[in-house]
Amino acid sequence: MQISRKCLLIIGLSATFGLLRGETSIAQYGEVAPPPAELQVGFDTISAEQAKQWLGLLAGPQFAGRGTGQVGYNKAAHWVAGKLAEFDLEPVGDGETYFQMMPITRRLPEIDQCRILGPGDTVIEGAGNLGIERYVDQSEVRGQAVFISFVGPNPKLAEDVDLREKVIFYSADEAAAPSVPRLLARQRPVATMRLIGTAPVSAPQTLFPGRRSRSTSVSGTILNIEGLRLATAYGAPEGWEGAGKVFQSGQDVTLSLHLREQPAGAPNVIAWLEGSDPDLKHEYVVIGAHLDHLGFSGDQLFPGADDNGSGSVAVLSIARAMAANPVKPKRSVLFMWFTAEEVGLLGSRYYTDNPILPLENMTCMFNIDMVGRNEDQGSGDADADNEGHIHLVGSQRGETKLHDLILDVNKHIGFEFELDMESVWNRSDQVNFYNHGVPVAFMFGGFHPDYHQPTDTPEKINYLKIQSAARLYYLAVHAAANHGRFPMKK
């Protein structure tokens, strides 16, 4: 996506403001006004060092990419809840917990009842021999058996190879393995099974409310010795597993699958800071970020350090800062970490469809998604050129009072806001709140080559940028919670 600079808004008031008052300080992006004295304690708790420590955990192996419906996400949600308890923020989720559980369904194979039926009386039983990782709604999948070997990096298929509606059994060495699933998926087979030397393991599939499974083919693994036995049964020539070989059997094979479903839940994480004004504390501001990422896909891990470990850590930093600051805002603040953003903004939609607190008492919503990197679109700008830049999305869709409030508190931070990324408006959680009549603002750092890749890792993060983003919204949330309601454009 090419980024236009025509709409670049440079907030140049920070140095002028400070010079007029005789109060400036050196911040990440130059001279800025110091924060209000009554907010200094909380402001100072937000640090790049703390962000680095937390993000190293969230995007580390312990939480396995935080895929919704996967164990890693549930561990991450409990870790965030533990920090909220440490900050002494109030749980307002289901049953006085920090969780609002979005119902999901887990589909799992009963592997001892799964099998492959080959030519004649050839049967490969599932137990110990098969692992199923992705499923379709049918209990039986049938197609012509094809055997392929892949060796070396950047594997390719000959242009005349047609694998559509076929069942692929393949071997792949370590260099080829990461690229093969995507290469084969483009061919649209009905199933792919990789030959492996260790005991195959199955994985559950998550089904989300109101959505059908997006899987169009079966994928999994087969124990190497059984895959070779099956190839022999189909008459594969000796050495078919050599580099780049393709053997099309011309005969069908059947995958018989037995699946069971069980109800489960994926939590939004929610905490409450009560406002200081007895007459206004029933009204509240929301600040949120999605906690989920892509988790494991096949045997690849997607850590999601920037997307959206960075936003999750920023909101956690703000929660700690507001809890620590002696002066509380007049209205209350609801902190949220959403599930299932990556599969269609489902966690935030579940909240707005099933609010724990009345939506009519919500005065505005701040969203943070991907604020840990300098934008790098390959458009001629070095990412260092975007050090002080950040996108502000959606804040001008209603009346501009919320937008103006953010610009005003930026005199304490010094960001250069870019207002040219409304194309991502529908791609993060604020849109569900806006659709319910809530004014919103979405802070977004921009895209880079590691977006949705296994290479989105903590060592590439700009932790000072997370610090600045969190400090900006810390000040903005305080100001918004003292401001009152923000009008929506009719």
Protein backbone atom coordinates (compact mmCIF):
# COMPACT_ATOMS: atom_id res chain seq x y z
CA MET A 1 0.00 0.00 0.00
CA GLN A 2 1.54 3.28 -1.11
CA ILE A 3 1.34 6.02 1.51
CA SER A 4 0.54 9.54 0.30
CA ARG A 5 2.28 12.38 2.15
CA LYS A 6 -0.18 15.00 0.94
CA CYS A 7 -2.30 14.73 4.06
CA LEU A 8 0.62 14.80 6.50
CA LEU A 9 -0.27 16.89 9.52
CA ILE A 10 2.75 18.12 11.44
CA ILE A 11 1.89 19.21 14.90
CA GLY A 12 4.36 22.01 15.39
CA LEU A 13 2.84 23.62 18.45
CA SER A 14 4.79 21.64 21.03
CA ALA A 15 7.98 23.68 21.09
CA THR A 16 6.09 26.98 20.69
CA PHE A 17 3.73 26.15 23.54
CA GLY A 18 6.56 25.25 25.85
CA LEU A 19 8.65 28.29 24.94
CA LEU A 20 5.71 30.62 25.61
CA ARG A 21 5.34 29.18 29.10
CA GLY A 22 9.05 28.79 29.65
CA GLU A 23 8.48 25.06 30.20
CA THR A 24 9.97 22.57 27.79
CA SER A 25 11.53 19.16 28.12
CA ILE A 26 13.45 16.96 25.72
CA ALA A 27 11.40 13.96 24.63
CA GLN A 28 11.82 11.32 21.96
CA TYR A 29 10.70 13.68 19.19
CA GLY A 30 12.28 16.93 20.35
CA GLU A 31 11.19 19.70 22.73
CA VAL A 32 7.71 19.26 24.19
CA ALA A 33 5.70 20.65 27.07
CA PRO A 34 5.85 18.59 30.27
CA PRO A 35 2.68 16.68 31.20
CA PRO A 36 0.26 18.21 33.70
CA ALA A 37 1.72 17.97 37.20
CA GLU A 38 -1.28 15.98 38.49
CA LEU A 39 -0.63 13.29 35.85
CA GLN A 40 3.16 13.12 36.19
CA VAL A 41 3.25 10.05 38.46
CA GLY A 42 1.35 7.85 36.04
CA PHE A 43 3.10 9.33 33.01
CA ASP A 44 6.50 8.38 34.42
CA THR A 45 5.50 4.73 34.97
CA ILE A 46 5.19 4.26 31.19
CA SER A 47 8.61 3.24 29.93
CA ALA A 48 10.27 1.58 26.97
CA GLU A 49 12.07 -0.79 29.35
CA GLN A 50 8.81 -2.07 30.81
CA ALA A 51 7.29 -2.42 27.33
CA LYS A 52 10.27 -4.50 26.24
CA GLN A 53 9.94 -6.83 29.20
CA TRP A 54 6.21 -7.37 28.72
CA LEU A 55 6.36 -7.74 24.95
CA GLY A 56 9.18 -10.25 25.24
CA LEU A 57 6.68 -12.44 27.10
CA LEU A 58 3.59 -11.75 24.98
CA ALA A 59 5.40 -12.40 21.70
CA GLY A 60 7.64 -15.11 23.09
CA PRO A 61 7.32 -18.91 22.92
CA GLN A 62 5.33 -19.11 26.16
CA PHE A 63 2.22 -17.68 24.48
CA ALA A 64 2.79 -19.29 21.06
CA GLY A 65 1.46 -16.47 18.90
CA ARG A 66 -1.82 -16.02 20.83
CA GLY A 67 -4.07 -17.63 18.24
CA THR A 68 -7.74 -17.40 19.25
CA GLY A 69 -8.91 -20.83 20.36
CA GLN A 70 -5.33 -21.97 20.93
CA VAL A 71 -3.73 -22.61 24.30
CA GLY A 72 -1.27 -19.75 23.81
CA TYR A 73 -4.06 -17.17 23.64
CA ASN A 74 -5.68 -18.46 26.82
CA LYS A 75 -2.34 -18.29 28.62
CA ALA A 76 -1.82 -14.71 27.42
CA ALA A 77 -5.32 -13.69 28.54
CA HIS A 78 -4.66 -15.09 32.02
CA TRP A 79 -1.29 -13.33 32.14
CA VAL A 80 -2.92 -9.97 31.32
CA ALA A 81 -5.61 -10.63 33.95
CA GLY A 82 -2.89 -11.33 36.50
CA LYS A 83 -1.27 -7.96 35.78
CA LEU A 84 -4.64 -6.21 36.16
CA ALA A 85 -5.11 -7.83 39.57
CA GLU A 86 -1.60 -6.69 40.46
CA PHE A 87 -2.61 -3.11 39.55
CA ASP A 88 -5.75 -3.49 41.73
CA LEU A 89 -8.11 -2.74 38.84
CA GLU A 90 -11.64 -4.08 39.19
CA PRO A 91 -12.79 -7.22 37.33
CA VAL A 92 -16.12 -6.57 35.59
CA GLY A 93 -16.33 -9.63 33.36
CA ASP A 94 -18.42 -12.77 33.68
CA GLY A 95 -18.88 -13.87 37.28
CA GLU A 96 -16.75 -11.00 38.62
CA THR A 97 -13.72 -12.18 36.64
CA TYR A 98 -11.56 -10.25 34.16
CA PHE A 99 -13.04 -12.30 31.29
CA GLN A 100 -16.01 -11.95 28.99
CA MET A 101 -16.21 -15.34 27.29
CA MET A 102 -17.14 -15.31 23.61
CA PRO A 103 -18.61 -18.73 22.77
CA ILE A 104 -16.63 -20.79 20.30
CA THR A 105 -16.66 -24.44 19.27
CA ARG A 106 -13.64 -26.73 19.20
CA ARG A 107 -13.67 -29.45 16.57
CA LEU A 108 -11.30 -32.35 17.15
CA PRO A 109 -10.63 -35.61 15.32
CA GLU A 110 -11.24 -38.88 17.11
CA ILE A 111 -8.10 -40.21 15.54
CA ASP A 112 -8.65 -43.87 16.42
CA GLN A 113 -11.76 -43.74 14.22
CA CYS A 114 -10.03 -42.00 11.28
CA ARG A 115 -8.36 -43.94 8.47
CA ILE A 116 -7.11 -43.85 4.90
CA LEU A 117 -8.57 -46.34 2.42
CA GLY A 118 -6.27 -47.14 -0.49
CA PRO A 119 -6.39 -49.60 -3.41
CA GLY A 120 -7.63 -53.12 -2.76
CA ASP A 121 -7.67 -53.82 0.94
CA THR A 122 -5.02 -51.22 1.87
CA VAL A 123 -6.03 -49.47 5.09
CA ILE A 124 -4.00 -47.07 7.21
CA GLU A 125 -5.48 -46.71 10.67
CA GLY A 126 -5.40 -43.30 12.28
CA ALA A 127 -4.07 -44.09 15.74
CA GLY A 128 -0.31 -43.53 15.77
CA ASN A 129 -0.17 -43.06 11.99
CA LEU A 130 -2.16 -39.94 11.13
CA GLY A 131 -2.40 -36.38 12.41
CA ILE A 132 -5.21 -34.11 11.21
CA GLU A 133 -4.64 -30.36 11.51
CA ARG A 134 -7.35 -28.84 9.31
CA TYR A 135 -10.78 -30.22 8.54
CA VAL A 136 -13.77 -29.70 6.30
CA ASP A 137 -17.42 -30.29 7.14
CA GLN A 138 -17.59 -33.63 5.31
CA SER A 139 -16.74 -36.86 7.11
CA GLU A 140 -15.20 -38.32 3.95
CA VAL A 141 -12.80 -36.81 1.41
CA ARG A 142 -12.01 -38.57 -1.86
CA GLY A 143 -9.74 -37.80 -4.80
CA GLN A 144 -6.95 -39.10 -7.01
CA ALA A 145 -3.81 -39.95 -4.99
CA VAL A 146 -0.70 -37.98 -5.95
CA PHE A 147 2.77 -38.40 -4.42
CA ILE A 148 5.27 -35.51 -4.55
CA SER A 149 8.71 -34.82 -3.09
CA PHE A 150 10.14 -31.36 -2.37
CA VAL A 151 13.81 -30.67 -1.69
CA GLY A 152 15.60 -27.39 -1.08
CA PRO A 153 14.47 -23.77 -0.69
CA ASN A 154 11.92 -22.15 -3.01
CA PRO A 155 10.27 -25.39 -4.23
CA LYS A 156 8.22 -25.20 -7.42
CA LEU A 157 5.82 -27.31 -9.43
CA ALA A 158 5.94 -27.75 -13.18
CA GLU A 159 3.35 -25.65 -14.99
CA ASP A 160 1.62 -28.72 -16.42
CA VAL A 161 1.03 -30.32 -12.99
CA ASP A 162 -2.69 -30.24 -12.13
CA LEU A 163 -3.53 -31.03 -8.50
CA ARG A 164 -7.05 -29.62 -8.33
CA GLU A 165 -9.48 -31.87 -6.38
CA LYS A 166 -6.72 -34.41 -5.71
CA VAL A 167 -5.30 -35.88 -2.49
CA ILE A 168 -1.60 -35.04 -2.12
CA PHE A 169 0.91 -37.06 -0.12
CA TYR A 170 4.24 -35.27 -0.01
CA SER A 171 7.68 -35.34 1.54
CA ALA A 172 9.63 -32.13 2.18
CA ASP A 173 13.05 -31.53 3.66
CA GLU A 174 13.70 -28.80 6.22
CA ALA A 175 14.50 -26.16 3.59
CA ALA A 176 11.38 -26.85 1.51
CA ALA A 177 8.85 -27.45 4.27
CA PRO A 178 7.93 -23.82 5.15
CA SER A 179 6.94 -22.98 1.56
CA VAL A 180 5.12 -26.15 0.53
CA PRO A 181 1.70 -25.67 2.23
CA ARG A 182 1.11 -22.34 0.49
CA LEU A 183 2.43 -23.70 -2.83
CA LEU A 184 0.03 -26.64 -2.68
CA ALA A 185 -2.93 -24.56 -1.43
CA ARG A 186 -2.82 -22.54 -4.65
CA GLN A 187 -3.46 -25.79 -6.54
CA ARG A 188 -6.73 -26.36 -4.64
CA PRO A 189 -6.38 -30.04 -3.73
CA VAL A 190 -9.02 -31.62 -1.50
CA ALA A 191 -6.37 -32.82 0.97
CA THR A 192 -2.63 -32.62 1.65
CA MET A 193 -0.77 -35.04 3.94
CA ARG A 194 2.92 -34.63 4.72
CA LEU A 195 5.12 -37.69 5.37
CA ILE A 196 7.02 -37.25 8.64
CA GLY A 197 9.38 -39.44 10.68
CA THR A 198 7.89 -38.76 14.12
CA ALA A 199 4.50 -39.64 15.61
CA PRO A 200 1.84 -37.41 13.97
CA VAL A 201 -0.14 -35.05 16.21
CA SER A 202 -3.62 -33.69 15.54
CA ALA A 203 -4.74 -30.13 16.29
CA PRO A 204 -8.18 -28.75 17.16
CA GLN A 205 -10.03 -26.42 14.83
CA THR A 206 -11.91 -23.41 16.15
CA LEU A 207 -15.37 -22.54 14.87
CA PHE A 208 -16.57 -19.02 15.61
CA PRO A 209 -20.14 -17.86 16.31
CA GLY A 210 -22.06 -16.95 13.20
CA ARG A 211 -19.28 -18.12 10.88
CA ARG A 212 -18.77 -21.33 8.99
CA SER A 213 -15.40 -23.02 8.78
CA ARG A 214 -13.19 -21.34 6.19
CA SER A 215 -11.30 -24.56 5.47
CA THR A 216 -11.78 -25.86 1.95
CA SER A 217 -9.40 -28.80 2.23
CA VAL A 218 -8.03 -31.29 4.73
CA SER A 219 -4.41 -31.13 5.81
CA GLY A 220 -2.32 -33.19 8.16
CA THR A 221 0.57 -35.62 8.51
CA ILE A 222 1.17 -39.32 7.97
CA LEU A 223 3.89 -41.46 9.48
CA ASN A 224 6.64 -41.85 6.90
CA ILE A 225 6.62 -45.66 6.81
CA GLU A 226 2.86 -45.72 6.22
CA GLY A 227 3.08 -43.08 3.51
CA LEU A 228 5.69 -45.15 1.69
CA ARG A 229 3.53 -48.27 2.08
CA LEU A 230 0.61 -46.40 0.57
CA ALA A 231 2.75 -45.17 -2.33
CA THR A 232 3.85 -48.76 -3.01
CA ALA A 233 0.21 -49.90 -3.01
CA TYR A 234 -0.49 -47.33 -5.74
CA GLY A 235 2.43 -48.51 -7.82
CA ALA A 236 4.74 -45.56 -7.27
CA PRO A 237 8.12 -46.21 -8.90
CA GLU A 238 11.14 -46.77 -6.70
CA GLY A 239 12.79 -43.46 -5.80
CA TRP A 240 9.63 -41.38 -6.29
CA GLU A 241 10.60 -39.47 -3.14
CA GLY A 242 13.73 -38.12 -4.83
CA ALA A 243 14.10 -34.42 -5.50
CA GLY A 244 11.22 -32.83 -7.37
CA LYS A 245 9.44 -36.04 -8.37
CA VAL A 246 5.66 -36.17 -8.97
CA PHE A 247 3.76 -39.45 -9.27
CA GLN A 248 0.08 -39.25 -10.23
CA SER A 249 -1.48 -42.62 -9.47
CA GLY A 250 -4.65 -42.26 -11.54
CA GLN A 251 -6.56 -44.01 -8.72
CA ASP A 252 -8.68 -42.58 -5.93
CA VAL A 253 -7.91 -42.59 -2.22
CA THR A 254 -10.40 -41.94 0.60
CA LEU A 255 -9.80 -40.12 3.87
CA SER A 256 -12.42 -41.20 6.39
CA LEU A 257 -12.67 -38.69 9.23
CA HIS A 258 -14.56 -38.89 12.49
CA LEU A 259 -14.83 -35.53 14.25
CA ARG A 260 -16.42 -34.38 17.47
CA GLU A 261 -17.33 -30.89 18.61
CA GLN A 262 -17.22 -29.41 22.08
CA PRO A 263 -18.28 -25.97 23.35
CA ALA A 264 -15.53 -23.64 24.51
CA GLY A 265 -14.89 -19.93 24.97
CA ALA A 266 -12.41 -17.25 23.94
CA PRO A 267 -12.07 -14.40 26.44
CA ASN A 268 -12.09 -10.68 26.00
CA VAL A 269 -10.07 -9.35 28.96
CA ILE A 270 -11.76 -6.46 30.76
CA ALA A 271 -10.94 -4.25 33.76
CA TRP A 272 -12.48 -1.13 35.31
CA LEU A 273 -11.05 2.01 36.90
CA GLU A 274 -13.78 3.88 38.77
CA GLY A 275 -14.06 7.60 38.18
CA SER A 276 -13.66 10.13 40.98
CA ASP A 277 -16.94 12.04 40.51
CA PRO A 278 -19.90 10.29 42.20
CA ASP A 279 -22.34 11.88 39.74
CA LEU A 280 -20.33 11.04 36.60
CA LYS A 281 -18.57 7.73 37.32
CA HIS A 282 -21.37 5.70 35.68
CA GLU A 283 -20.17 7.18 32.37
CA TYR A 284 -16.95 5.76 30.97
CA VAL A 285 -14.24 5.88 28.32
CA VAL A 286 -13.01 2.68 26.63
CA ILE A 287 -9.43 2.03 25.64
CA GLY A 288 -8.66 -1.26 23.91
CA ALA A 289 -6.36 -3.35 21.74
CA HIS A 290 -6.69 -6.82 20.31
CA LEU A 291 -4.66 -9.41 22.17
CA ASP A 292 -4.86 -12.21 19.59
CA HIS A 293 -2.63 -12.93 16.62
CA LEU A 294 -2.30 -15.89 14.22
CA GLY A 295 -0.73 -18.37 16.62
CA PHE A 296 0.42 -21.61 15.05
CA SER A 297 -0.54 -22.33 11.45
CA GLY A 298 0.64 -25.81 10.56
CA ASP A 299 4.13 -25.96 12.00
CA GLN A 300 4.81 -22.22 11.64
CA LEU A 301 4.63 -19.82 14.58
CA PHE A 302 3.49 -16.23 14.07
CA PRO A 303 4.68 -14.29 17.15
CA GLY A 304 2.72 -11.07 16.48
CA ALA A 305 5.13 -8.73 18.27
CA ASP A 306 3.88 -5.59 16.51
CA ASP A 307 0.47 -7.02 15.57
CA ASN A 308 -0.71 -6.58 18.21
CA GLY A 309 1.64 -7.29 21.05
CA SER A 310 2.66 -3.64 20.81
CA GLY A 311 -0.88 -2.34 21.24
CA SER A 312 -1.65 -4.82 24.02
CA VAL A 313 1.44 -3.72 25.94
CA ALA A 314 0.58 -0.06 25.37
CA VAL A 315 -2.89 -0.51 26.89
CA LEU A 316 -1.41 -2.49 29.78
CA SER A 317 1.05 0.35 30.38
CA ILE A 318 -1.81 2.86 30.40
CA ALA A 319 -3.81 0.69 32.83
CA ARG A 320 -0.89 0.58 35.25
CA ALA A 321 -0.27 4.31 34.88
CA MET A 322 -3.87 5.27 35.59
CA ALA A 323 -4.06 2.90 38.54
CA ALA A 324 -0.82 4.32 39.97
CA ASN A 325 -1.63 7.99 39.45
CA PRO A 326 -3.10 9.58 42.60
CA VAL A 327 -5.48 11.80 40.61
CA LYS A 328 -8.24 9.85 38.87
CA PRO A 329 -10.43 11.19 36.07
CA LYS A 330 -14.03 12.19 36.78
CA ARG A 331 -15.49 9.44 34.62
CA SER A 332 -14.56 5.78 34.73
CA VAL A 333 -12.29 3.94 32.30
CA LEU A 334 -12.89 0.48 30.83
CA PHE A 335 -9.73 -1.30 29.66
CA MET A 336 -10.22 -4.05 27.06
CA TRP A 337 -8.09 -6.63 25.27
CA PHE A 338 -10.11 -8.19 22.45
CA THR A 339 -10.08 -11.75 21.19
CA ALA A 340 -10.55 -12.89 17.58
CA GLU A 341 -9.72 -9.61 15.84
CA GLU A 342 -7.65 -11.50 13.29
CA VAL A 343 -10.63 -13.62 12.22
CA GLY A 344 -13.06 -10.77 11.64
CA LEU A 345 -13.13 -8.36 14.62
CA LEU A 346 -15.29 -10.91 16.44
CA GLY A 347 -14.31 -10.19 20.05
CA SER A 348 -15.13 -6.48 19.89
CA ARG A 349 -18.33 -7.23 18.00
CA TYR A 350 -19.29 -9.73 20.67
CA TYR A 351 -18.80 -7.07 23.33
CA THR A 352 -20.80 -4.39 21.53
CA ASP A 353 -23.60 -6.90 20.85
CA ASN A 354 -23.46 -8.15 24.46
CA PRO A 355 -22.22 -5.18 26.51
CA ILE A 356 -21.40 -5.75 30.16
CA LEU A 357 -21.95 -2.05 30.83
CA PRO A 358 -24.55 0.11 29.05
CA LEU A 359 -23.31 1.38 25.70
CA GLU A 360 -25.26 4.60 26.22
CA ASN A 361 -22.90 5.44 29.10
CA MET A 362 -19.80 5.07 26.89
CA THR A 363 -18.54 8.51 25.88
CA CYS A 364 -15.77 7.48 23.42
CA MET A 365 -13.43 4.64 22.49
CA PHE A 366 -9.65 4.68 21.87
CA ASN A 367 -8.11 1.78 19.92
CA ILE A 368 -4.42 0.88 19.52
CA ASP A 369 -3.20 -1.54 16.85
CA MET A 370 0.43 -1.95 15.72
CA VAL A 371 2.37 0.92 17.29
CA GLY A 372 5.74 -0.81 17.67
CA ARG A 373 7.38 -0.24 14.29
CA ASN A 374 8.25 2.61 11.97
CA GLU A 375 6.18 2.32 8.82
CA ASP A 376 8.06 0.73 5.92
CA GLN A 377 6.07 0.39 2.71
CA GLY A 378 8.99 0.11 0.32
CA SER A 379 7.88 3.44 -1.13
CA GLY A 380 11.25 5.15 -1.04
CA ASP A 381 11.13 6.21 2.59
CA ALA A 382 13.57 4.57 4.97
CA ASP A 383 11.70 3.43 8.04
CA ALA A 384 13.90 5.78 10.09
CA ASP A 385 12.23 8.66 8.22
CA ASN A 386 8.98 7.63 9.96
CA GLU A 387 10.45 7.60 13.49
CA GLY A 388 8.16 10.34 14.80
CA HIS A 389 5.20 9.60 12.55
CA ILE A 390 2.02 7.75 13.48
CA HIS A 391 -1.42 7.39 11.87
CA LEU A 392 -4.62 8.64 13.45
CA VAL A 393 -7.63 6.95 11.89
CA GLY A 394 -11.37 7.55 12.29
CA SER A 395 -11.17 10.47 14.68
CA GLN A 396 -12.57 12.87 12.07
CA ARG A 397 -15.50 10.71 11.01
CA GLY A 398 -17.72 12.29 13.62
CA GLU A 399 -17.45 15.78 14.99
CA THR A 400 -13.80 16.71 15.52
CA LYS A 401 -13.82 17.40 19.28
CA LEU A 402 -12.21 14.03 20.13
CA HIS A 403 -9.71 14.49 17.32
CA ASP A 404 -8.88 17.98 18.56
CA LEU A 405 -8.41 16.70 22.11
CA ILE A 406 -5.78 14.21 20.89
CA LEU A 407 -3.98 16.92 18.93
CA ASP A 408 -3.94 19.10 22.02
CA VAL A 409 -2.40 16.50 24.38
CA ASN A 410 0.19 15.72 21.68
CA LYS A 411 2.00 18.89 22.75
CA HIS A 412 3.41 16.69 25.52
CA ILE A 413 4.60 13.95 23.08
CA GLY A 414 5.45 15.51 19.72
CA PHE A 415 4.14 12.93 17.23
CA GLU A 416 3.71 13.95 13.60
CA PHE A 417 0.24 12.61 12.81
CA GLU A 418 -0.61 11.26 9.38
CA LEU A 419 -4.29 11.34 8.47
CA ASP A 420 -4.13 9.41 5.20
CA MET A 421 -4.92 5.83 6.23
CA GLU A 422 -8.71 5.70 6.36
CA SER A 423 -8.37 2.65 4.09
CA VAL A 424 -7.70 0.60 7.26
CA TRP A 425 -10.83 1.92 8.98
CA ASN A 426 -12.70 -1.39 8.76
CA ARG A 427 -9.71 -3.52 9.78
CA SER A 428 -9.58 -3.00 13.53
CA ASP A 429 -11.90 -3.10 16.51
CA GLN A 430 -12.94 0.55 16.81
CA VAL A 431 -15.35 0.13 13.89
CA ASN A 432 -17.71 -2.03 15.98
CA PHE A 433 -18.00 0.72 18.60
CA TYR A 434 -18.52 3.40 15.96
CA ASN A 435 -21.32 1.30 14.45
CA HIS A 436 -23.07 1.57 17.83
CA GLY A 437 -22.83 5.34 17.86
CA VAL A 438 -19.63 5.76 19.89
CA PRO A 439 -17.01 8.35 18.80
CA VAL A 440 -13.66 6.62 18.23
CA ALA A 441 -9.98 7.21 17.53
CA PHE A 442 -7.60 4.55 16.18
CA MET A 443 -3.83 4.95 16.52
CA PHE A 444 -1.85 2.87 14.02
CA GLY A 445 1.87 2.77 13.25
CA GLY A 446 1.60 1.57 9.65
CA PHE A 447 2.54 -1.54 7.69
CA HIS A 448 5.96 -3.13 7.24
CA PRO A 449 7.35 -6.26 5.52
CA ASP A 450 6.91 -8.41 8.67
CA TYR A 451 3.15 -7.82 8.85
CA HIS A 452 1.42 -11.22 9.33
CA GLN A 453 4.72 -13.03 8.92
CA PRO A 454 6.66 -15.35 11.26
CA THR A 455 9.31 -12.61 11.30
CA ASP A 456 7.17 -10.17 13.35
CA THR A 457 9.44 -10.65 16.37
CA PRO A 458 10.32 -8.63 19.52
CA GLU A 459 13.87 -7.72 18.46
CA LYS A 460 12.48 -5.60 15.60
CA ILE A 461 10.28 -3.47 17.86
CA ASN A 462 10.80 0.25 18.49
CA TYR A 463 10.07 0.32 22.22
CA LEU A 464 10.37 4.08 22.50
CA LYS A 465 7.52 4.35 20.01
CA ILE A 466 5.33 2.13 22.21
CA GLN A 467 6.26 4.34 25.16
CA SER A 468 5.25 7.50 23.28
CA ALA A 469 2.00 5.98 21.99
CA ALA A 470 1.03 4.81 25.47
CA ARG A 471 1.88 8.17 27.04
CA LEU A 472 -0.17 9.99 24.41
CA TYR A 473 -3.28 7.89 25.02
CA TYR A 474 -2.74 7.99 28.80
CA LEU A 475 -3.09 11.77 28.61
CA ALA A 476 -5.90 11.58 26.07
CA VAL A 477 -7.96 9.11 28.10
CA HIS A 478 -7.65 11.30 31.20
CA ALA A 479 -8.68 14.37 29.22
CA ALA A 480 -11.59 12.55 27.55
CA ALA A 481 -12.86 11.16 30.86
CA ASN A 482 -12.91 14.70 32.26
CA HIS A 483 -14.36 16.23 29.09
CA GLY A 484 -17.74 14.54 28.90
CA ARG A 485 -19.63 13.41 25.83
CA PHE A 486 -18.36 13.90 22.30
CA PRO A 487 -20.95 14.62 19.61
CA MET A 488 -21.41 12.29 16.64
CA LYS A 489 -21.94 13.76 13.19
CA LYS A 490 -25.52 13.15 12.05
